[in-house]
Amino acid sequence: MDNHKSDAVRIDKWLWAARFFKTRALAKAAVESGKVQIDGHKSKPSRLLETGITMTIRQGLDEKTIVVQELSAHRRGAPEAQLLYAETPESIARREARAAERKAQNLAQPDNSIRPNKKQRRQIHRFLQN
């Protein structure tokens, strides 16, 4: 084993090391509020994590189901952090389907932020006066 990997790591520390959250405080708050579930159950941030555990992590509108593959208490670069876990194929499919639904929903709604420019306003006023 490398010196940055250990036998047991706190959940909040692992979530931070795996780059799911920017700070340990955010990871701890997410675990305490129930946004991180282990094997379908709410947990405490101080619970020790082991390899092979299934976690569900809710971040914003997305929900990921991952399996812990390696433990690390040290934050490394993103490529190394991605080796700590594997997202399940079902989770990937669900996230992509939800993203496609959100995108289709946004395309169906008219964009109210587009306002006519000065030339278009003049044309509208001329049209309405005639």
Protein backbone atom coordinates (compact mmCIF):
# COMPACT_ATOMS: atom_id res chain seq x y z
CA MET A 1 0.00 0.00 0.00
CA ASP A 2 1.06 3.59 -0.64
CA ASN A 3 1.69 5.88 2.27
CA HIS A 4 -1.33 8.06 1.38
CA LYS A 5 -3.77 5.15 1.60
CA SER A 6 -4.96 3.82 4.92
CA ASP A 7 -7.08 0.94 6.24
CA ALA A 8 -9.97 3.08 7.50
CA VAL A 9 -10.96 6.65 6.66
CA ARG A 10 -13.77 8.89 7.92
CA ILE A 11 -16.59 9.40 5.41
CA ASP A 12 -16.28 13.18 5.35
CA LYS A 13 -12.52 12.99 4.82
CA TRP A 14 -12.88 10.44 1.99
CA LEU A 15 -15.57 12.52 0.23
CA TRP A 16 -13.23 15.50 0.36
CA ALA A 17 -10.25 13.43 -0.85
CA ALA A 18 -12.34 11.96 -3.70
CA ARG A 19 -13.21 15.56 -4.72
CA PHE A 20 -16.97 15.35 -4.27
CA PHE A 21 -16.82 18.46 -2.06
CA LYS A 22 -14.41 21.40 -1.96
CA THR A 23 -13.94 21.34 1.81
CA ARG A 24 -14.28 18.82 4.61
CA ALA A 25 -16.81 21.10 6.26
CA LEU A 26 -19.06 20.87 3.18
CA ALA A 27 -18.63 17.09 3.12
CA LYS A 28 -19.51 16.86 6.81
CA ALA A 29 -22.61 19.05 6.33
CA ALA A 30 -23.77 16.90 3.39
CA VAL A 31 -23.40 13.69 5.41
CA GLU A 32 -25.21 15.19 8.42
CA SER A 33 -28.08 16.48 6.29
CA GLY A 34 -28.64 13.06 4.68
CA LYS A 35 -27.38 13.91 1.19
CA VAL A 36 -24.87 11.08 1.49
CA GLN A 37 -26.28 7.64 2.23
CA ILE A 38 -24.33 4.45 2.79
CA ASP A 39 -26.06 1.27 1.67
CA GLY A 40 -29.35 3.23 1.71
CA HIS A 41 -28.99 4.47 5.30
CA LYS A 42 -28.11 7.87 6.76
CA SER A 43 -24.74 7.95 8.48
CA LYS A 44 -22.52 10.13 10.65
CA PRO A 45 -19.46 11.93 9.24
CA SER A 46 -17.17 10.11 11.66
CA ARG A 47 -18.13 6.63 10.45
CA LEU A 48 -15.16 4.72 9.13
CA LEU A 49 -15.35 3.74 5.49
CA GLU A 50 -14.23 0.46 3.93
CA THR A 51 -13.75 -0.61 0.33
CA GLY A 52 -16.73 -2.15 -1.42
CA ILE A 53 -19.33 0.06 0.29
CA THR A 54 -22.09 1.50 -1.91
CA MET A 55 -22.83 5.21 -1.43
CA THR A 56 -25.51 7.49 -2.81
CA ILE A 57 -24.42 11.12 -3.09
CA ARG A 58 -26.89 13.89 -3.93
CA GLN A 59 -25.30 17.06 -5.32
CA GLY A 60 -27.70 19.68 -6.62
CA LEU A 61 -30.05 18.00 -9.08
CA ASP A 62 -27.77 15.01 -9.65
CA GLU A 63 -27.63 11.81 -7.63
CA LYS A 64 -24.70 9.43 -8.00
CA THR A 65 -24.47 5.85 -6.78
CA ILE A 66 -20.85 4.87 -6.34
CA VAL A 67 -18.85 1.93 -5.03
CA VAL A 68 -15.77 2.73 -2.95
CA GLN A 69 -12.75 1.05 -4.55
CA GLU A 70 -9.85 2.56 -2.62
CA LEU A 71 -9.40 4.60 0.53
CA SER A 72 -7.40 7.78 0.85
CA ALA A 73 -7.32 10.49 3.47
CA HIS A 74 -5.26 12.85 1.32
CA ARG A 75 -6.63 15.05 -1.45
CA ARG A 76 -4.82 14.49 -4.73
CA GLY A 77 -5.38 15.52 -8.33
CA ALA A 78 -8.65 14.74 -10.10
CA PRO A 79 -7.29 11.75 -12.11
CA GLU A 80 -6.09 10.08 -8.88
CA ALA A 81 -9.34 10.95 -7.08
CA GLN A 82 -11.40 9.21 -9.78
CA LEU A 83 -9.56 5.96 -9.04
CA LEU A 84 -10.99 5.95 -5.49
CA TYR A 85 -14.52 5.10 -6.66
CA ALA A 86 -16.56 3.69 -9.53
CA GLU A 87 -20.00 4.95 -10.45
CA THR A 88 -22.54 2.22 -11.21
CA PRO A 89 -23.81 1.94 -14.82
CA GLU A 90 -27.42 2.37 -13.62
CA SER A 91 -26.45 5.62 -11.90
CA ILE A 92 -24.76 6.94 -15.02
CA ALA A 93 -27.81 6.09 -17.13
CA ARG A 94 -30.18 7.77 -14.63
CA ARG A 95 -28.06 10.93 -14.46
CA GLU A 96 -27.82 11.18 -18.27
CA ALA A 97 -31.59 10.64 -18.63
CA ARG A 98 -32.36 13.35 -16.06
CA ALA A 99 -29.92 15.75 -17.73
CA ALA A 100 -31.59 15.12 -21.10
CA GLU A 101 -35.03 15.75 -19.53
CA ARG A 102 -33.84 19.03 -18.00
CA LYS A 103 -32.31 20.10 -21.31
CA ALA A 104 -35.51 19.28 -23.22
CA GLN A 105 -37.56 21.14 -20.62
CA ASN A 106 -35.37 24.22 -20.93
CA LEU A 107 -35.58 24.14 -24.74
CA ALA A 108 -39.38 23.93 -24.61
CA GLN A 109 -39.67 27.12 -22.57
CA PRO A 110 -39.30 30.41 -24.42
CA ASP A 111 -36.28 32.48 -23.51
CA ASN A 112 -37.65 35.67 -21.94
CA SER A 113 -34.20 37.15 -21.45
CA ILE A 114 -33.93 38.14 -25.11
CA ARG A 115 -35.10 41.72 -25.51
CA PRO A 116 -35.42 43.60 -28.77
CA ASN A 117 -32.57 45.92 -29.64
CA LYS A 118 -33.04 49.57 -30.62
CA LYS A 119 -33.66 48.87 -34.30
CA GLN A 120 -36.19 46.14 -33.54
CA ARG A 121 -38.03 48.42 -31.07
CA ARG A 122 -38.33 51.11 -33.75
CA GLN A 123 -39.73 48.55 -36.18
CA ILE A 124 -42.26 47.37 -33.57
CA HIS A 125 -43.36 50.97 -32.86
CA ARG A 126 -43.73 51.71 -36.61
CA PHE A 127 -45.75 48.52 -37.06
CA LEU A 128 -48.07 49.33 -34.16
CA GLN A 129 -48.66 52.93 -35.33
CA ASN A 130 -49.80 51.86 -38.82
